[in-house]
Amino acid sequence: MYFYTKLADVKQQMIADATKDARERAKKIAENAGSSLGSLKKASMGVIQITAPNSGEDYSWGGAFNTSSKEKEASITIKLEYQVD
């Protein structure tokens, strides 16, 4: 069994990176539509998934107990809603 003790730090960085990426994408969409990105109206976060690399695992609720490898991939879904000016 393997334990990773810095998961909270990884989660914080994942949230920051995903939020920054979502804002940049929204800004580009607004610009391409001839508008500008306004203020953030709503933000939500999905579950953080931790799975084996290149696996088909998809456990949104309840997780998985995969011990086949100590290497894991983590993903997160962030949903941001902006006003468009």
Foldseek 3Di string as FASTA:
>chain_A
DDDDDCVVVVVVVQVVVQVVVVVVVVQVVLVVVVWGWAAWDDKDKADKAKAAPPDPDDDRPPHDDDPPDPDIDIHIDMDIDTDID
